[in-house]
Amino acid sequence: MAETVPKPPRQPTFRVLVFTKTAIYRHESIPAGIAALRTLADRTRLFILDATEDAESFTPDTLTGY
């Protein structure tokens, strides 16, 4: 019996916010981590990825979508 893989939804079901601002030490793997999450989001279409280093974008209004 062949196993079937479910098709991803046509529209993402939720949003993911990745905040990567650093104060002193910036780990070199941060860009690779963001890229991996973007690839996962693009391939599965399960979520939309928003990555930012802008702490000022964190307001009650902007966070309601997460």
PDB file of N, CA and C in Angstrom:
ATOM      1  N   MET A   1       0.847  -1.162   0.000  1.00  0.00           N
ATOM      2  CA  MET A   1       0.000   0.000   0.000  1.00  0.00           C
ATOM      3  C   MET A   1       0.903   1.238   0.000  1.00  0.00           C
ATOM      4  N   ALA A   2       0.704   2.097  -0.952  1.00  0.00           N
ATOM      5  CA  ALA A   2       1.509   3.312  -1.057  1.00  0.00           C
ATOM      6  C   ALA A   2       1.042   4.334  -0.033  1.00  0.00           C
ATOM      7  N   GLU A   3       2.010   4.955   0.583  1.00  0.00           N
ATOM      8  CA  GLU A   3       1.699   5.992   1.568  1.00  0.00           C
ATOM      9  C   GLU A   3       1.554   7.324   0.844  1.00  0.00           C
ATOM     10  N   THR A   4       0.505   8.049   1.136  1.00  0.00           N
ATOM     11  CA  THR A   4       0.301   9.340   0.493  1.00  0.00           C
ATOM     12  C   THR A   4       0.713  10.465   1.428  1.00  0.00           C
ATOM     13  N   VAL A   5       1.289  11.469   0.827  1.00  0.00           N
ATOM     14  CA  VAL A   5       1.709  12.650   1.581  1.00  0.00           C
ATOM     15  C   VAL A   5       0.647  13.718   1.382  1.00  0.00           C
ATOM     16  N   PRO A   6       0.119  14.268   2.470  1.00  0.00           N
ATOM     17  CA  PRO A   6      -0.913  15.296   2.305  1.00  0.00           C
ATOM     18  C   PRO A   6      -0.349  16.535   1.627  1.00  0.00           C
ATOM     19  N   LYS A   7      -1.171  17.139   0.799  1.00  0.00           N
ATOM     20  CA  LYS A   7      -0.764  18.370   0.129  1.00  0.00           C
ATOM     21  C   LYS A   7      -0.802  19.518   1.129  1.00  0.00           C
ATOM     22  N   PRO A   8       0.164  20.437   1.021  1.00  0.00           N
ATOM     23  CA  PRO A   8       0.124  21.594   1.920  1.00  0.00           C
ATOM     24  C   PRO A   8      -1.061  22.487   1.574  1.00  0.00           C
ATOM     25  N   PRO A   9      -1.533  23.250   2.539  1.00  0.00           N
ATOM     26  CA  PRO A   9      -2.651  24.152   2.253  1.00  0.00           C
ATOM     27  C   PRO A   9      -2.239  25.208   1.235  1.00  0.00           C
ATOM     28  N   ARG A  10      -3.215  25.727   0.526  1.00  0.00           N
ATOM     29  CA  ARG A  10      -2.916  26.764  -0.463  1.00  0.00           C
ATOM     30  C   ARG A  10      -2.543  28.083   0.209  1.00  0.00           C
ATOM     31  N   GLN A  11      -3.131  28.336   1.357  1.00  0.00           N
ATOM     32  CA  GLN A  11      -2.852  29.564   2.085  1.00  0.00           C
ATOM     33  C   GLN A  11      -2.205  29.219   3.420  1.00  0.00           C
ATOM     34  N   PRO A  12      -1.168  29.957   3.809  1.00  0.00           N
ATOM     35  CA  PRO A  12      -0.556  29.717   5.124  1.00  0.00           C
ATOM     36  C   PRO A  12      -1.587  29.880   6.236  1.00  0.00           C
ATOM     37  N   THR A  13      -1.432  29.093   7.286  1.00  0.00           N
ATOM     38  CA  THR A  13      -2.414  29.109   8.366  1.00  0.00           C
ATOM     39  C   THR A  13      -2.022  30.021   9.521  1.00  0.00           C
ATOM     40  N   PHE A  14      -0.753  30.416   9.600  1.00  0.00           N
ATOM     41  CA  PHE A  14      -0.338  31.320  10.672  1.00  0.00           C
ATOM     42  C   PHE A  14       0.948  32.035  10.282  1.00  0.00           C
ATOM     43  N   ARG A  15       1.315  33.036  11.075  1.00  0.00           N
ATOM     44  CA  ARG A  15       2.538  33.813  10.856  1.00  0.00           C
ATOM     45  C   ARG A  15       3.521  33.526  11.985  1.00  0.00           C
ATOM     46  N   VAL A  16       4.803  33.535  11.635  1.00  0.00           N
ATOM     47  CA  VAL A  16       5.873  33.333  12.613  1.00  0.00           C
ATOM     48  C   VAL A  16       6.769  34.563  12.571  1.00  0.00           C
ATOM     49  N   LEU A  17       7.014  35.138  13.732  1.00  0.00           N
ATOM     50  CA  LEU A  17       7.897  36.291  13.843  1.00  0.00           C
ATOM     51  C   LEU A  17       9.221  35.844  14.443  1.00  0.00           C
ATOM     52  N   VAL A  18      10.304  36.106  13.724  1.00  0.00           N
ATOM     53  CA  VAL A  18      11.644  35.780  14.204  1.00  0.00           C
ATOM     54  C   VAL A  18      12.356  37.098  14.480  1.00  0.00           C
ATOM     55  N   PHE A  19      12.751  37.288  15.716  1.00  0.00           N
ATOM     56  CA  PHE A  19      13.430  38.516  16.145  1.00  0.00           C
ATOM     57  C   PHE A  19      14.892  38.182  16.410  1.00  0.00           C
ATOM     58  N   THR A  20      15.800  38.842  15.694  1.00  0.00           N
ATOM     59  CA  THR A  20      17.212  38.467  15.763  1.00  0.00           C
ATOM     60  C   THR A  20      18.148  39.594  16.176  1.00  0.00           C
ATOM     61  N   LYS A  21      17.633  40.641  16.764  1.00  0.00           N
ATOM     62  CA  LYS A  21      18.499  41.737  17.194  1.00  0.00           C
ATOM     63  C   LYS A  21      19.421  41.251  18.307  1.00  0.00           C
ATOM     64  N   THR A  22      20.672  41.655  18.222  1.00  0.00           N
ATOM     65  CA  THR A  22      21.646  41.303  19.251  1.00  0.00           C
ATOM     66  C   THR A  22      22.322  42.566  19.760  1.00  0.00           C
ATOM     67  N   ALA A  23      22.821  42.515  20.977  1.00  0.00           N
ATOM     68  CA  ALA A  23      23.450  43.689  21.580  1.00  0.00           C
ATOM     69  C   ALA A  23      24.968  43.664  21.428  1.00  0.00           C
ATOM     70  N   ILE A  24      25.577  42.533  21.724  1.00  0.00           N
ATOM     71  CA  ILE A  24      27.037  42.472  21.690  1.00  0.00           C
ATOM     72  C   ILE A  24      27.504  41.385  20.731  1.00  0.00           C
ATOM     73  N   TYR A  25      27.205  40.153  21.066  1.00  0.00           N
ATOM     74  CA  TYR A  25      27.655  39.024  20.260  1.00  0.00           C
ATOM     75  C   TYR A  25      26.575  38.633  19.265  1.00  0.00           C
ATOM     76  N   ARG A  26      26.953  38.502  18.015  1.00  0.00           N
ATOM     77  CA  ARG A  26      26.009  38.058  16.980  1.00  0.00           C
ATOM     78  C   ARG A  26      26.494  36.721  16.448  1.00  0.00           C
ATOM     79  N   HIS A  27      25.706  35.695  16.683  1.00  0.00           N
ATOM     80  CA  HIS A  27      26.105  34.359  16.260  1.00  0.00           C
ATOM     81  C   HIS A  27      26.074  34.274  14.741  1.00  0.00           C
ATOM     82  N   GLU A  28      27.076  33.659  14.176  1.00  0.00           N
ATOM     83  CA  GLU A  28      27.187  33.594  12.721  1.00  0.00           C
ATOM     84  C   GLU A  28      26.127  32.704  12.068  1.00  0.00           C
ATOM     85  N   SER A  29      25.437  31.905  12.853  1.00  0.00           N
ATOM     86  CA  SER A  29      24.431  31.006  12.270  1.00  0.00           C
ATOM     87  C   SER A  29      23.050  31.653  12.127  1.00  0.00           C
ATOM     88  N   ILE A  30      22.883  32.878  12.584  1.00  0.00           N
ATOM     89  CA  ILE A  30      21.567  33.529  12.509  1.00  0.00           C
ATOM     90  C   ILE A  30      21.056  33.619  11.069  1.00  0.00           C
ATOM     91  N   PRO A  31      21.854  34.091  10.111  1.00  0.00           N
ATOM     92  CA  PRO A  31      21.346  34.144   8.733  1.00  0.00           C
ATOM     93  C   PRO A  31      20.958  32.767   8.183  1.00  0.00           C
ATOM     94  N   ALA A  32      21.734  31.750   8.514  1.00  0.00           N
ATOM     95  CA  ALA A  32      21.406  30.397   8.046  1.00  0.00           C
ATOM     96  C   ALA A  32      20.108  29.903   8.673  1.00  0.00           C
ATOM     97  N   GLY A  33      19.894  30.230   9.938  1.00  0.00           N
ATOM     98  CA  GLY A  33      18.654  29.839  10.601  1.00  0.00           C
ATOM     99  C   GLY A  33      17.439  30.501   9.976  1.00  0.00           C
ATOM    100  N   ILE A  34      17.568  31.780   9.675  1.00  0.00           N
ATOM    101  CA  ILE A  34      16.470  32.495   9.017  1.00  0.00           C
ATOM    102  C   ILE A  34      16.214  31.897   7.633  1.00  0.00           C
ATOM    103  N   ALA A  35      17.283  31.617   6.902  1.00  0.00           N
ATOM    104  CA  ALA A  35      17.132  31.029   5.567  1.00  0.00           C
ATOM    105  C   ALA A  35      16.443  29.669   5.636  1.00  0.00           C
ATOM    106  N   ALA A  36      16.802  28.867   6.630  1.00  0.00           N
ATOM    107  CA  ALA A  36      16.174  27.548   6.783  1.00  0.00           C
ATOM    108  C   ALA A  36      14.683  27.685   7.080  1.00  0.00           C
ATOM    109  N   LEU A  37      14.340  28.626   7.941  1.00  0.00           N
ATOM    110  CA  LEU A  37      12.925  28.846   8.249  1.00  0.00           C
ATOM    111  C   LEU A  37      12.161  29.371   7.035  1.00  0.00           C
ATOM    112  N   ARG A  38      12.805  30.246   6.247  1.00  0.00           N
ATOM    113  CA  ARG A  38      12.156  30.751   5.030  1.00  0.00           C
ATOM    114  C   ARG A  38      11.900  29.608   4.043  1.00  0.00           C
ATOM    115  N   THR A  39      12.888  28.741   3.892  1.00  0.00           N
ATOM    116  CA  THR A  39      12.729  27.595   2.998  1.00  0.00           C
ATOM    117  C   THR A  39      11.584  26.708   3.465  1.00  0.00           C
ATOM    118  N   LEU A  40      11.528  26.446   4.759  1.00  0.00           N
ATOM    119  CA  LEU A  40      10.449  25.629   5.317  1.00  0.00           C
ATOM    120  C   LEU A  40       9.087  26.276   5.068  1.00  0.00           C
ATOM    121  N   ALA A  41       9.017  27.574   5.281  1.00  0.00           N
ATOM    122  CA  ALA A  41       7.759  28.295   5.047  1.00  0.00           C
ATOM    123  C   ALA A  41       7.363  28.241   3.574  1.00  0.00           C
ATOM    124  N   ASP A  42       8.326  28.444   2.693  1.00  0.00           N
ATOM    125  CA  ASP A  42       8.038  28.447   1.257  1.00  0.00           C
ATOM    126  C   ASP A  42       7.624  27.070   0.752  1.00  0.00           C
ATOM    127  N   ARG A  43       8.289  26.045   1.231  1.00  0.00           N
ATOM    128  CA  ARG A  43       8.006  24.687   0.737  1.00  0.00           C
ATOM    129  C   ARG A  43       6.725  24.095   1.304  1.00  0.00           C
ATOM    130  N   THR A  44       6.444  24.368   2.550  1.00  0.00           N
ATOM    131  CA  THR A  44       5.260  23.762   3.165  1.00  0.00           C
ATOM    132  C   THR A  44       4.018  24.624   3.020  1.00  0.00           C
ATOM    133  N   ARG A  45       4.225  25.920   2.865  1.00  0.00           N
ATOM    134  CA  ARG A  45       3.123  26.895   2.811  1.00  0.00           C
ATOM    135  C   ARG A  45       2.227  26.802   4.040  1.00  0.00           C
ATOM    136  N   LEU A  46       2.790  26.371   5.144  1.00  0.00           N
ATOM    137  CA  LEU A  46       2.023  26.270   6.384  1.00  0.00           C
ATOM    138  C   LEU A  46       2.020  27.573   7.166  1.00  0.00           C
ATOM    139  N   PHE A  47       3.042  28.398   6.958  1.00  0.00           N
ATOM    140  CA  PHE A  47       3.142  29.644   7.706  1.00  0.00           C
ATOM    141  C   PHE A  47       3.868  30.687   6.880  1.00  0.00           C
ATOM    142  N   ILE A  48       3.723  31.928   7.300  1.00  0.00           N
ATOM    143  CA  ILE A  48       4.448  33.051   6.716  1.00  0.00           C
ATOM    144  C   ILE A  48       5.513  33.446   7.718  1.00  0.00           C
ATOM    145  N   LEU A  49       6.719  33.617   7.249  1.00  0.00           N
ATOM    146  CA  LEU A  49       7.820  33.995   8.127  1.00  0.00           C
ATOM    147  C   LEU A  49       8.124  35.476   7.975  1.00  0.00           C
ATOM    148  N   ASP A  50       8.177  36.164   9.094  1.00  0.00           N
ATOM    149  CA  ASP A  50       8.619  37.553   9.143  1.00  0.00           C
ATOM    150  C   ASP A  50       9.832  37.600  10.054  1.00  0.00           C
ATOM    151  N   ALA A  51      10.958  38.041   9.519  1.00  0.00           N
ATOM    152  CA  ALA A  51      12.181  38.147  10.310  1.00  0.00           C
ATOM    153  C   ALA A  51      12.558  39.619  10.422  1.00  0.00           C
ATOM    154  N   THR A  52      12.943  40.029  11.623  1.00  0.00           N
ATOM    155  CA  THR A  52      13.292  41.430  11.842  1.00  0.00           C
ATOM    156  C   THR A  52      14.324  41.564  12.950  1.00  0.00           C
ATOM    157  N   GLU A  53      15.036  42.671  12.895  1.00  0.00           N
ATOM    158  CA  GLU A  53      15.933  43.072  13.978  1.00  0.00           C
ATOM    159  C   GLU A  53      15.446  44.377  14.594  1.00  0.00           C
ATOM    160  N   ASP A  54      14.308  44.843  14.139  1.00  0.00           N
ATOM    161  CA  ASP A  54      13.769  46.132  14.559  1.00  0.00           C
ATOM    162  C   ASP A  54      12.867  45.977  15.779  1.00  0.00           C
ATOM    163  N   ALA A  55      13.395  46.288  16.947  1.00  0.00           N
ATOM    164  CA  ALA A  55      12.620  46.172  18.186  1.00  0.00           C
ATOM    165  C   ALA A  55      11.478  47.184  18.231  1.00  0.00           C
ATOM    166  N   GLU A  56      11.603  48.265  17.505  1.00  0.00           N
ATOM    167  CA  GLU A  56      10.564  49.291  17.511  1.00  0.00           C
ATOM    168  C   GLU A  56       9.303  48.843  16.776  1.00  0.00           C
ATOM    169  N   SER A  57       9.414  47.762  16.029  1.00  0.00           N
ATOM    170  CA  SER A  57       8.232  47.271  15.319  1.00  0.00           C
ATOM    171  C   SER A  57       7.319  46.450  16.225  1.00  0.00           C
ATOM    172  N   PHE A  58       7.722  46.243  17.479  1.00  0.00           N
ATOM    173  CA  PHE A  58       6.913  45.485  18.430  1.00  0.00           C
ATOM    174  C   PHE A  58       5.932  46.417  19.137  1.00  0.00           C
ATOM    175  N   THR A  59       4.741  46.459  18.620  1.00  0.00           N
ATOM    176  CA  THR A  59       3.666  47.232  19.240  1.00  0.00           C
ATOM    177  C   THR A  59       2.454  46.310  19.368  1.00  0.00           C
ATOM    178  N   PRO A  60       1.514  46.653  20.217  1.00  0.00           N
ATOM    179  CA  PRO A  60       0.311  45.815  20.313  1.00  0.00           C
ATOM    180  C   PRO A  60      -0.374  45.620  18.957  1.00  0.00           C
ATOM    181  N   ASP A  61      -0.395  46.660  18.148  1.00  0.00           N
ATOM    182  CA  ASP A  61      -1.049  46.546  16.842  1.00  0.00           C
ATOM    183  C   ASP A  61      -0.308  45.601  15.905  1.00  0.00           C
ATOM    184  N   THR A  62       1.025  45.702  15.861  1.00  0.00           N
ATOM    185  CA  THR A  62       1.776  44.852  14.940  1.00  0.00           C
ATOM    186  C   THR A  62       1.845  43.404  15.408  1.00  0.00           C
ATOM    187  N   LEU A  63       1.733  43.180  16.689  1.00  0.00           N
ATOM    188  CA  LEU A  63       1.834  41.813  17.206  1.00  0.00           C
ATOM    189  C   LEU A  63       0.516  41.046  17.157  1.00  0.00           C
ATOM    190  N   THR A  64      -0.572  41.705  16.843  1.00  0.00           N
ATOM    191  CA  THR A  64      -1.856  40.998  16.814  1.00  0.00           C
ATOM    192  C   THR A  64      -1.912  39.938  15.724  1.00  0.00           C
ATOM    193  N   GLY A  65      -1.067  40.042  14.728  1.00  0.00           N
ATOM    194  CA  GLY A  65      -1.082  39.064  13.647  1.00  0.00           C
ATOM    195  C   GLY A  65      -0.303  37.800  13.929  1.00  0.00           C
ATOM    196  N   TYR A  66       0.240  37.684  15.136  1.00  0.00           N
ATOM    197  CA  TYR A  66       1.071  36.507  15.450  1.00  0.00           C
ATOM    198  C   TYR A  66       0.458  35.664  16.525  1.00  0.00           C
TER     199      TYR A  66
END
